[in-house]
C-alpha atoms as a PDB file:
ATOM      1  CA  MET A   1       0.000   0.000   0.000  1.00  0.00           C
ATOM      2  CA  ARG A   2       2.758   2.429   0.890  1.00  0.00           C
ATOM      3  CA  LYS A   3       4.559   1.641  -2.355  1.00  0.00           C
ATOM      4  CA  ARG A   4       1.399   2.351  -4.397  1.00  0.00           C
ATOM      5  CA  LEU A   5       0.861   5.611  -2.485  1.00  0.00           C
ATOM      6  CA  ARG A   6       4.444   6.755  -3.083  1.00  0.00           C
ATOM      7  CA  THR A   7       4.130   5.923  -6.796  1.00  0.00           C
ATOM      8  CA  ALA A   8       0.895   7.933  -7.053  1.00  0.00           C
ATOM      9  CA  ILE A   9       2.486  10.921  -5.327  1.00  0.00           C
ATOM     10  CA  LEU A  10       5.470  10.866  -7.699  1.00  0.00           C
ATOM     11  CA  ALA A  11       3.173  10.601 -10.714  1.00  0.00           C
ATOM     12  CA  ALA A  12       1.086  13.548  -9.489  1.00  0.00           C
ATOM     13  CA  ALA A  13       4.230  15.609  -8.924  1.00  0.00           C
ATOM     14  CA  ALA A  14       5.473  14.824 -12.435  1.00  0.00           C
ATOM     15  CA  ALA A  15       2.109  15.799 -13.924  1.00  0.00           C
ATOM     16  CA  GLY A  16       2.183  19.024 -11.921  1.00  0.00           C
ATOM     17  CA  ALA A  17       5.639  19.808 -13.234  1.00  0.00           C
ATOM     18  CA  LEU A  18       4.441  19.299 -16.810  1.00  0.00           C
ATOM     19  CA  LEU A  19       1.482  21.575 -16.216  1.00  0.00           C
ATOM     20  CA  ALA A  20       3.649  24.224 -14.599  1.00  0.00           C
ATOM     21  CA  SER A  21       6.116  24.394 -17.475  1.00  0.00           C
ATOM     22  CA  PRO A  22       3.756  26.090 -19.989  1.00  0.00           C
ATOM     23  CA  MET A  23       2.672  28.552 -17.299  1.00  0.00           C
ATOM     24  CA  THR A  24       6.318  29.436 -16.656  1.00  0.00           C
ATOM     25  CA  SER A  25       6.848  29.889 -20.389  1.00  0.00           C
ATOM     26  CA  ILE A  26       3.818  32.186 -20.701  1.00  0.00           C
ATOM     27  CA  ALA A  27       4.956  34.356 -17.799  1.00  0.00           C
ATOM     28  CA  SER A  28       8.413  34.645 -19.376  1.00  0.00           C
ATOM     29  CA  ALA A  29       6.918  35.722 -22.713  1.00  0.00           C
ATOM     30  CA  ASP A  30       4.942  38.466 -20.995  1.00  0.00           C
ATOM     31  CA  THR A  31       8.038  39.937 -19.363  1.00  0.00           C
ATOM     32  CA  PRO A  32       9.348  42.977 -21.289  1.00  0.00           C
ATOM     33  CA  PRO A  33      12.844  42.440 -22.680  1.00  0.00           C
ATOM     34  CA  VAL A  34      15.758  44.184 -21.019  1.00  0.00           C
ATOM     35  CA  LEU A  35      16.944  46.804 -23.508  1.00  0.00           C
ATOM     36  CA  ILE A  36      20.515  48.036 -23.807  1.00  0.00           C
ATOM     37  CA  ASP A  37      22.061  50.781 -25.890  1.00  0.00           C
ATOM     38  CA  ASP A  38      22.811  49.839 -29.509  1.00  0.00           C
ATOM     39  CA  SER A  39      23.584  53.245 -31.008  1.00  0.00           C
ATOM     40  CA  ALA A  40      27.227  52.647 -31.919  1.00  0.00           C
ATOM     41  CA  ALA A  41      26.453  51.393 -35.426  1.00  0.00           C
ATOM     42  CA  LEU A  42      24.272  54.434 -36.202  1.00  0.00           C
ATOM     43  CA  VAL A  43      26.938  56.846 -34.958  1.00  0.00           C
ATOM     44  CA  ALA A  44      29.624  55.024 -36.950  1.00  0.00           C
ATOM     45  CA  ALA A  45      27.516  55.079 -40.133  1.00  0.00           C
ATOM     46  CA  GLN A  46      26.865  58.820 -39.982  1.00  0.00           C
ATOM     47  CA  HIS A  47      30.446  59.647 -39.034  1.00  0.00           C
ATOM     48  CA  GLU A  48      31.683  57.544 -41.938  1.00  0.00           C
ATOM     49  CA  ILE A  49      29.577  59.163 -44.634  1.00  0.00           C
ATOM     50  CA  ILE A  50      30.083  62.712 -43.318  1.00  0.00           C
ATOM     51  CA  ASP A  51      33.844  62.284 -42.938  1.00  0.00           C
ATOM     52  CA  GLN A  52      34.239  60.706 -46.363  1.00  0.00           C
ATOM     53  CA  LEU A  53      32.252  63.475 -48.074  1.00  0.00           C
ATOM     54  CA  ASN A  54      34.120  66.165 -46.136  1.00  0.00           C
ATOM     55  CA  ALA A  55      37.361  64.698 -47.467  1.00  0.00           C
ATOM     56  CA  ILE A  56      36.290  65.985 -50.902  1.00  0.00           C
ATOM     57  CA  GLY A  57      36.150  69.551 -49.589  1.00  0.00           C
ATOM     58  CA  TRP A  58      33.984  72.506 -50.556  1.00  0.00           C
ATOM     59  CA  PRO A  59      32.953  73.607 -53.140  1.00  0.00           C
ATOM     60  CA  ALA A  60      33.512  70.290 -54.957  1.00  0.00           C
ATOM     61  CA  GLU A  61      31.636  68.422 -52.203  1.00  0.00           C
ATOM     62  CA  ASP A  62      28.432  70.219 -53.201  1.00  0.00           C
ATOM     63  CA  ALA A  63      28.113  67.877 -56.191  1.00  0.00           C
ATOM     64  CA  ASP A  64      27.737  64.839 -53.911  1.00  0.00           C
ATOM     65  CA  ASN A  65      26.421  66.310 -50.667  1.00  0.00           C
ATOM     66  CA  PHE A  66      23.486  68.691 -50.617  1.00  0.00           C
ATOM     67  CA  TYR A  67      20.016  69.275 -49.220  1.00  0.00           C
ATOM     68  CA  PRO A  68      17.309  69.005 -51.923  1.00  0.00           C
ATOM     69  CA  GLY A  69      15.799  72.409 -52.614  1.00  0.00           C
ATOM     70  CA  ALA A  70      18.737  74.353 -51.144  1.00  0.00           C
ATOM     71  CA  ALA A  71      21.111  76.644 -53.036  1.00  0.00           C
ATOM     72  CA  GLY A  72      19.901  75.872 -56.532  1.00  0.00           C
ATOM     73  CA  HIS A  73      19.445  72.124 -56.053  1.00  0.00           C
ATOM     74  CA  THR A  74      16.238  70.499 -57.243  1.00  0.00           C
ATOM     75  CA  ASP A  75      13.798  69.601 -54.481  1.00  0.00           C
ATOM     76  CA  THR A  76      12.714  65.989 -53.982  1.00  0.00           C
ATOM     77  CA  PRO A  77      10.486  64.366 -51.339  1.00  0.00           C
ATOM     78  CA  THR A  78      12.712  61.328 -50.727  1.00  0.00           C
ATOM     79  CA  GLY A  79      16.311  61.855 -51.833  1.00  0.00           C
ATOM     80  CA  THR A  80      19.310  59.575 -52.277  1.00  0.00           C
ATOM     81  CA  VAL A  81      21.898  58.357 -49.762  1.00  0.00           C
ATOM     82  CA  THR A  82      24.745  56.105 -50.899  1.00  0.00           C
ATOM     83  CA  PHE A  83      27.306  54.492 -48.624  1.00  0.00           C
ATOM     84  CA  GLY A  84      30.372  53.886 -50.748  1.00  0.00           C
ATOM     85  CA  THR A  85      33.860  52.534 -50.137  1.00  0.00           C
ATOM     86  CA  VAL A  86      36.026  54.035 -47.402  1.00  0.00           C
ATOM     87  CA  GLY A  87      38.944  55.821 -49.030  1.00  0.00           C
ATOM     88  CA  SER A  88      36.910  56.675 -52.127  1.00  0.00           C
ATOM     89  CA  PRO A  89      35.001  59.819 -51.050  1.00  0.00           C
ATOM     90  CA  THR A  90      33.173  60.379 -54.340  1.00  0.00           C
ATOM     91  CA  SER A  91      31.577  56.920 -54.028  1.00  0.00           C
ATOM     92  CA  TYR A  92      29.472  58.389 -51.199  1.00  0.00           C
ATOM     93  CA  GLN A  93      26.435  60.555 -51.796  1.00  0.00           C
ATOM     94  CA  VAL A  94      23.878  62.442 -49.704  1.00  0.00           C
ATOM     95  CA  GLU A  95      21.131  64.190 -51.609  1.00  0.00           C
ATOM     96  CA  ALA A  96      18.527  63.976 -48.876  1.00  0.00           C
ATOM     97  CA  LYS A  97      16.675  65.912 -46.212  1.00  0.00           C
ATOM     98  CA  CYS A  98      17.135  65.179 -42.531  1.00  0.00           C
ATOM     99  CA  ALA A  99      14.601  62.357 -42.143  1.00  0.00           C
ATOM    100  CA  ALA A 100      15.677  60.542 -45.299  1.00  0.00           C
ATOM    101  CA  PHE A 101      19.299  60.786 -44.142  1.00  0.00           C
ATOM    102  CA  LEU A 102      18.410  59.272 -40.753  1.00  0.00           C
ATOM    103  CA  THR A 103      16.345  56.484 -42.341  1.00  0.00           C
ATOM    104  CA  ALA A 104      19.125  55.565 -44.765  1.00  0.00           C
ATOM    105  CA  SER A 105      21.656  55.575 -41.923  1.00  0.00           C
ATOM    106  CA  LEU A 106      19.494  53.248 -39.819  1.00  0.00           C
ATOM    107  CA  LYS A 107      18.994  50.912 -42.780  1.00  0.00           C
ATOM    108  CA  HIS A 108      22.742  50.828 -43.380  1.00  0.00           C
ATOM    109  CA  ALA A 109      23.554  50.208 -39.719  1.00  0.00           C
ATOM    110  CA  TYR A 110      20.951  47.602 -38.687  1.00  0.00           C
ATOM    111  CA  SER A 111      19.589  44.441 -40.321  1.00  0.00           C
ATOM    112  CA  TRP A 112      16.153  44.980 -38.731  1.00  0.00           C
ATOM    113  CA  ALA A 113      15.743  48.424 -40.319  1.00  0.00           C
ATOM    114  CA  THR A 114      14.033  47.249 -43.504  1.00  0.00           C
ATOM    115  CA  ASP A 115      11.412  48.856 -45.725  1.00  0.00           C
ATOM    116  CA  SER A 116       8.775  46.573 -44.213  1.00  0.00           C
ATOM    117  CA  TYR A 117       9.783  47.606 -40.688  1.00  0.00           C
ATOM    118  CA  PHE A 118       9.517  51.306 -41.510  1.00  0.00           C
ATOM    119  CA  THR A 119       6.200  50.796 -43.277  1.00  0.00           C
ATOM    120  CA  SER A 120       4.653  48.874 -40.375  1.00  0.00           C
ATOM    121  CA  THR A 121       6.099  51.172 -37.691  1.00  0.00           C
ATOM    122  CA  PHE A 122       6.104  54.626 -39.277  1.00  0.00           C
ATOM    123  CA  GLY A 123       3.655  54.149 -42.160  1.00  0.00           C
ATOM    124  CA  SER A 124       6.279  54.808 -44.841  1.00  0.00           C
ATOM    125  CA  THR A 125       9.533  53.391 -46.173  1.00  0.00           C
ATOM    126  CA  SER A 126      10.912  56.926 -45.758  1.00  0.00           C
ATOM    127  CA  PRO A 127       9.039  58.746 -42.959  1.00  0.00           C
ATOM    128  CA  THR A 128       9.164  62.521 -42.579  1.00  0.00           C
ATOM    129  CA  ALA A 129      10.661  64.222 -39.527  1.00  0.00           C
ATOM    130  CA  GLU A 130       7.134  65.002 -38.365  1.00  0.00           C
ATOM    131  CA  LYS A 131       6.244  61.315 -38.613  1.00  0.00           C
ATOM    132  CA  TYR A 132       9.324  60.346 -36.612  1.00  0.00           C
ATOM    133  CA  TYR A 133       8.324  62.813 -33.893  1.00  0.00           C
ATOM    134  CA  ASP A 134       4.673  61.724 -33.812  1.00  0.00           C
ATOM    135  CA  THR A 135       5.524  58.016 -33.680  1.00  0.00           C
ATOM    136  CA  PHE A 136       8.231  58.437 -31.041  1.00  0.00           C
ATOM    137  CA  LEU A 137       5.857  60.440 -28.857  1.00  0.00           C
ATOM    138  CA  ALA A 138       2.569  58.589 -29.366  1.00  0.00           C
ATOM    139  CA  ASN A 139       3.426  55.050 -28.274  1.00  0.00           C
ATOM    140  CA  PRO A 140       7.139  54.648 -27.548  1.00  0.00           C
ATOM    141  CA  THR A 141       6.786  51.187 -25.985  1.00  0.00           C
ATOM    142  CA  SER A 142       5.533  49.794 -29.309  1.00  0.00           C
ATOM    143  CA  LEU A 143       8.965  50.560 -30.791  1.00  0.00           C
ATOM    144  CA  SER A 144      10.697  48.048 -28.488  1.00  0.00           C
ATOM    145  CA  PRO A 145      13.198  46.435 -28.832  1.00  0.00           C
ATOM    146  CA  HIS A 146      14.692  48.805 -31.418  1.00  0.00           C
ATOM    147  CA  PHE A 147      13.955  52.140 -29.739  1.00  0.00           C
ATOM    148  CA  ARG A 148      13.233  53.442 -26.251  1.00  0.00           C
ATOM    149  CA  PRO A 149      12.699  56.938 -24.818  1.00  0.00           C
ATOM    150  CA  THR A 150      15.912  58.626 -23.723  1.00  0.00           C
ATOM    151  CA  GLY A 151      15.891  58.531 -19.919  1.00  0.00           C
ATOM    152  CA  GLN A 152      13.226  60.844 -18.519  1.00  0.00           C
ATOM    153  CA  GLY A 153      13.329  63.114 -21.561  1.00  0.00           C
ATOM    154  CA  ARG A 154      15.736  65.558 -19.937  1.00  0.00           C
ATOM    155  CA  VAL A 155      18.386  67.303 -22.005  1.00  0.00           C
ATOM    156  CA  THR A 156      21.069  65.887 -19.717  1.00  0.00           C
ATOM    157  CA  ASP A 157      19.813  62.367 -20.521  1.00  0.00           C
ATOM    158  CA  LEU A 158      21.043  62.774 -24.095  1.00  0.00           C
ATOM    159  CA  ALA A 159      24.107  60.719 -24.984  1.00  0.00           C
ATOM    160  CA  VAL A 160      26.117  59.999 -28.108  1.00  0.00           C
ATOM    161  CA  GLY A 161      23.739  58.248 -30.516  1.00  0.00           C
ATOM    162  CA  SER A 162      20.498  59.655 -29.081  1.00  0.00           C
ATOM    163  CA  ILE A 163      18.017  60.804 -31.722  1.00  0.00           C
ATOM    164  CA  ILE A 164      16.422  64.243 -31.378  1.00  0.00           C
ATOM    165  CA  ALA A 165      13.128  64.642 -33.249  1.00  0.00           C
ATOM    166  CA  VAL A 166      11.522  68.070 -33.636  1.00  0.00           C
ATOM    167  CA  ARG A 167       8.039  68.884 -34.915  1.00  0.00           C
ATOM    168  CA  TYR A 168       7.377  72.228 -36.620  1.00  0.00           C
ATOM    169  CA  ASN A 169       3.988  73.273 -35.269  1.00  0.00           C
ATOM    170  CA  ASN A 170       4.468  76.805 -36.603  1.00  0.00           C
ATOM    171  CA  GLY A 171       4.853  75.904 -40.282  1.00  0.00           C
ATOM    172  CA  THR A 172       7.359  74.225 -42.554  1.00  0.00           C
ATOM    173  CA  GLU A 173      10.920  75.365 -43.210  1.00  0.00           C
ATOM    174  CA  ASP A 174      12.887  74.470 -46.339  1.00  0.00           C
ATOM    175  CA  GLY A 175       9.886  72.293 -47.171  1.00  0.00           C
ATOM    176  CA  ALA A 176      10.327  70.277 -43.967  1.00  0.00           C
ATOM    177  CA  SER A 177       7.682  69.575 -41.319  1.00  0.00           C
ATOM    178  CA  GLY A 178      10.276  69.020 -38.613  1.00  0.00           C
ATOM    179  CA  HIS A 179      13.860  67.996 -38.059  1.00  0.00           C
ATOM    180  CA  VAL A 180      15.769  64.927 -36.856  1.00  0.00           C
ATOM    181  CA  MET A 181      19.398  64.696 -35.781  1.00  0.00           C
ATOM    182  CA  VAL A 182      21.770  62.288 -34.032  1.00  0.00           C
ATOM    183  CA  VAL A 183      23.786  63.416 -31.008  1.00  0.00           C
ATOM    184  CA  SER A 184      27.546  63.162 -31.601  1.00  0.00           C
ATOM    185  CA  GLN A 185      28.714  64.734 -28.331  1.00  0.00           C
ATOM    186  CA  ALA A 186      27.012  64.740 -24.926  1.00  0.00           C
ATOM    187  CA  PRO A 187      25.319  68.005 -23.836  1.00  0.00           C
ATOM    188  CA  ARG A 188      27.541  70.697 -22.301  1.00  0.00           C
ATOM    189  CA  LEU A 189      26.143  73.314 -19.943  1.00  0.00           C
ATOM    190  CA  VAL A 190      27.049  76.769 -21.297  1.00  0.00           C
ATOM    191  CA  ALA A 191      26.567  80.399 -20.303  1.00  0.00           C
ATOM    192  CA  ASP A 192      24.423  81.964 -23.026  1.00  0.00           C
ATOM    193  CA  SER A 193      23.596  85.665 -23.108  1.00  0.00           C
ATOM    194  CA  ARG A 194      20.513  84.933 -25.215  1.00  0.00           C
ATOM    195  CA  ASN A 195      18.866  83.149 -22.306  1.00  0.00           C
ATOM    196  CA  THR A 196      16.784  85.674 -20.375  1.00  0.00           C
ATOM    197  CA  ASP A 197      14.824  83.021 -18.460  1.00  0.00           C
ATOM    198  CA  THR A 198      16.389  82.723 -14.998  1.00  0.00           C
ATOM    199  CA  GLY A 199      14.573  79.432 -14.488  1.00  0.00           C
ATOM    200  CA  SER A 200      16.237  77.771 -17.462  1.00  0.00           C
ATOM    201  CA  SER A 201      19.701  76.533 -18.433  1.00  0.00           C
ATOM    202  CA  VAL A 202      21.279  76.196 -21.879  1.00  0.00           C
ATOM    203  CA  TYR A 203      23.154  73.194 -23.253  1.00  0.00           C
ATOM    204  CA  ALA A 204      25.325  72.988 -26.362  1.00  0.00           C
ATOM    205  CA  VAL A 205      24.593  69.679 -28.133  1.00  0.00           C
ATOM    206  CA  GLN A 206      26.741  68.604 -31.068  1.00  0.00           C
ATOM    207  CA  VAL A 207      24.732  66.731 -33.691  1.00  0.00           C
ATOM    208  CA  MET A 208      24.930  65.056 -37.094  1.00  0.00           C
ATOM    209  CA  ASP A 209      22.153  65.779 -39.599  1.00  0.00           C
ATOM    210  CA  SER A 210      21.292  66.916 -43.111  1.00  0.00           C
ATOM    211  CA  THR A 211      20.197  70.540 -43.303  1.00  0.00           C
ATOM    212  CA  GLY A 212      19.485  73.329 -45.755  1.00  0.00           C
ATOM    213  CA  ASN A 213      21.457  75.725 -43.552  1.00  0.00           C
ATOM    214  CA  PRO A 214      24.381  75.067 -41.179  1.00  0.00           C
ATOM    215  CA  HIS A 215      23.946  75.393 -37.417  1.00  0.00           C
ATOM    216  CA  GLY A 216      25.032  79.001 -36.908  1.00  0.00           C
ATOM    217  CA  VAL A 217      25.365  81.861 -39.352  1.00  0.00           C
ATOM    218  CA  ALA A 218      28.649  81.953 -41.260  1.00  0.00           C
ATOM    219  CA  THR A 219      30.464  85.225 -40.661  1.00  0.00           C
ATOM    220  CA  THR A 220      33.896  86.734 -41.206  1.00  0.00           C
ATOM    221  CA  TRP A 221      33.781  88.431 -37.783  1.00  0.00           C
ATOM    222  CA  ASN A 222      36.723  86.970 -35.956  1.00  0.00           C
ATOM    223  CA  LYS A 223      35.085  87.140 -32.491  1.00  0.00           C
ATOM    224  CA  SER A 224      31.749  85.589 -33.424  1.00  0.00           C
ATOM    225  CA  PRO A 225      30.670  82.700 -31.127  1.00  0.00           C
ATOM    226  CA  HIS A 226      30.065  80.798 -34.361  1.00  0.00           C
ATOM    227  CA  TRP A 227      33.775  79.967 -34.607  1.00  0.00           C
ATOM    228  CA  ALA A 228      33.800  78.094 -31.297  1.00  0.00           C
ATOM    229  CA  TYR A 229      31.068  75.804 -32.711  1.00  0.00           C
ATOM    230  CA  LYS A 230      31.938  75.813 -36.423  1.00  0.00           C
ATOM    231  CA  ASP A 231      29.638  73.707 -38.575  1.00  0.00           C
ATOM    232  CA  SER A 232      31.275  71.335 -41.071  1.00  0.00           C
ATOM    233  CA  ARG A 233      29.064  72.851 -43.806  1.00  0.00           C
ATOM    234  CA  VAL A 234      30.788  76.236 -43.502  1.00  0.00           C
ATOM    235  CA  ASP A 235      33.704  76.864 -45.851  1.00  0.00           C
ATOM    236  CA  GLY A 236      36.168  79.279 -44.288  1.00  0.00           C
ATOM    237  CA  VAL A 237      38.510  79.747 -41.337  1.00  0.00           C
ATOM    238  CA  GLN A 238      38.526  82.060 -38.342  1.00  0.00           C
ATOM    239  CA  GLY A 239      40.360  85.233 -39.254  1.00  0.00           C
ATOM    240  CA  GLY A 240      39.849  84.607 -42.951  1.00  0.00           C
ATOM    241  CA  THR A 241      38.461  87.097 -45.444  1.00  0.00           C
ATOM    242  CA  SER A 242      35.513  85.055 -46.704  1.00  0.00           C
ATOM    243  CA  VAL A 243      33.111  82.317 -45.622  1.00  0.00           C
ATOM    244  CA  LYS A 244      30.389  80.407 -47.435  1.00  0.00           C
ATOM    245  CA  GLU A 245      27.528  78.232 -46.239  1.00  0.00           C
ATOM    246  CA  TRP A 246      26.738  74.871 -47.829  1.00  0.00           C
ATOM    247  CA  SER A 247      23.988  72.311 -47.244  1.00  0.00           C
ATOM    248  CA  GLY A 248      23.619  68.550 -46.865  1.00  0.00           C
ATOM    249  CA  ALA A 249      24.982  66.091 -44.312  1.00  0.00           C
ATOM    250  CA  GLY A 250      27.352  67.451 -41.691  1.00  0.00           C
ATOM    251  CA  GLU A 251      28.070  68.108 -38.050  1.00  0.00           C
ATOM    252  CA  GLY A 252      27.145  71.200 -36.055  1.00  0.00           C
ATOM    253  CA  THR A 253      25.888  72.366 -32.670  1.00  0.00           C
ATOM    254  CA  ILE A 254      22.349  73.151 -31.531  1.00  0.00           C
ATOM    255  CA  PHE A 255      21.646  75.021 -28.276  1.00  0.00           C
ATOM    256  CA  ILE A 256      18.800  73.550 -26.235  1.00  0.00           C
ATOM    257  CA  ARG A 257      17.239  75.442 -23.334  1.00  0.00           C
ATOM    258  CA  ALA A 258      15.906  73.344 -20.460  1.00  0.00           C
ATOM    259  CA  ASN A 259      13.853  74.063 -17.374  1.00  0.00           C
ATOM    260  CA  SER A 260      16.356  74.101 -14.510  1.00  0.00           C
ATOM    261  CA  SER A 261      13.992  72.197 -12.185  1.00  0.00           C
ATOM    262  CA  THR A 262      12.690  69.466 -14.495  1.00  0.00           C
ATOM    263  CA  GLY A 263      15.525  69.325 -17.026  1.00  0.00           C
ATOM    264  CA  LEU A 264      12.966  69.119 -19.830  1.00  0.00           C
ATOM    265  CA  PRO A 265      13.561  71.119 -23.024  1.00  0.00           C
ATOM    266  CA  ASN A 266      11.528  74.315 -23.434  1.00  0.00           C
ATOM    267  CA  GLY A 267      13.170  75.754 -26.546  1.00  0.00           C
ATOM    268  CA  TYR A 268      16.284  75.881 -28.688  1.00  0.00           C
ATOM    269  CA  TRP A 269      18.503  78.053 -30.858  1.00  0.00           C
ATOM    270  CA  TRP A 270      19.605  76.586 -34.200  1.00  0.00           C
ATOM    271  CA  GLY A 271      23.202  77.705 -33.700  1.00  0.00           C
ATOM    272  CA  ALA A 272      25.643  79.678 -31.543  1.00  0.00           C
ATOM    273  CA  ASN A 273      24.893  83.043 -33.167  1.00  0.00           C
ATOM    274  CA  GLU A 274      21.270  82.512 -34.201  1.00  0.00           C
ATOM    275  CA  GLY A 275      18.910  85.134 -32.775  1.00  0.00           C
ATOM    276  CA  VAL A 276      15.589  83.267 -32.933  1.00  0.00           C
ATOM    277  CA  MET A 277      14.683  81.069 -29.982  1.00  0.00           C
ATOM    278  CA  ASN A 278      12.233  78.325 -31.006  1.00  0.00           C
ATOM    279  CA  THR A 279       9.862  77.619 -28.118  1.00  0.00           C
ATOM    280  CA  SER A 280       8.621  74.162 -27.188  1.00  0.00           C
ATOM    281  CA  ALA A 281       5.109  75.299 -28.138  1.00  0.00           C
ATOM    282  CA  ASP A 282       6.199  76.167 -31.675  1.00  0.00           C
ATOM    283  CA  ARG A 283       8.768  73.416 -32.117  1.00  0.00           C
ATOM    284  CA  PRO A 284       8.553  70.660 -29.500  1.00  0.00           C
ATOM    285  CA  MET A 285      11.216  67.973 -29.388  1.00  0.00           C
ATOM    286  CA  THR A 286      11.436  64.414 -28.125  1.00  0.00           C
ATOM    287  CA  PHE A 287      14.416  62.106 -27.568  1.00  0.00           C
ATOM    288  CA  MET A 288      14.890  58.416 -28.476  1.00  0.00           C
ATOM    289  CA  ASP A 289      17.714  55.878 -28.217  1.00  0.00           C
ATOM    290  CA  VAL A 290      18.488  52.940 -30.497  1.00  0.00           C
ATOM    291  CA  THR A 291      18.439  49.728 -28.471  1.00  0.00           C
ATOM    292  CA  ARG A 292      18.490  45.942 -28.638  1.00  0.00           C
ATOM    293  CA  ALA A 293      17.270  43.189 -26.341  1.00  0.00           C
ATOM    294  CA  GLN A 294      19.910  41.980 -23.922  1.00  0.00           C
END
């Protein structure tokens, strides 16, 4: 009798273990994946194409690197981005606006960034900057595991590889509904005479993007703050007799103002010597990081 009882108990325990296994599996599937930073490939891709094109030098670079619709170039809604062979600068090409440049860079850097992914996630194989902003803001958790919000959305949460998406609520500029850029240097707290809000702080954030105008106004004035944050799309040197602005992919610095208490952005200046401060009501911004499941 005892032997039969022991056998029955063991059989029941085995059956219980079999029943418990699927439940354990289901619970595991419902657990959100742990996401870690995966921005290095995006940063490397944009650095590569910008550096290779800059090796051509202005004005010759303008044939292979320009913003559609700027400085006599024909406008186009999508554009072309070509990653060539390192050491052969003219094999690279950027004839694209900011969003198309970001999309092409993501597609070059990551195997998951396919046309079907962009269509299902953003509603287009080449989403606009406005669409990037709206999608990032509306349901960020749906973008997992490839994207996640940058920290708490504070300017100081930005890191190399973070994506800044801006929406132009106050009308288009250069035919664009917004702007997207990739952080190439962590934010630096700066003293800025343009900031008259005692409750806010200003951060210089170096970024990579494709623009119709460089970050900061090119000037021959030797003491202009522009020279401390020179954009790669400006042809000229400090103390020189002439400067010229170009368009396309490059690296420059944007100045973001943040509430000193919350750290959240409440406006920005396009460059070091730009006079217009874009408020968060007119041009709100949101931050995202490229990630992967651990």
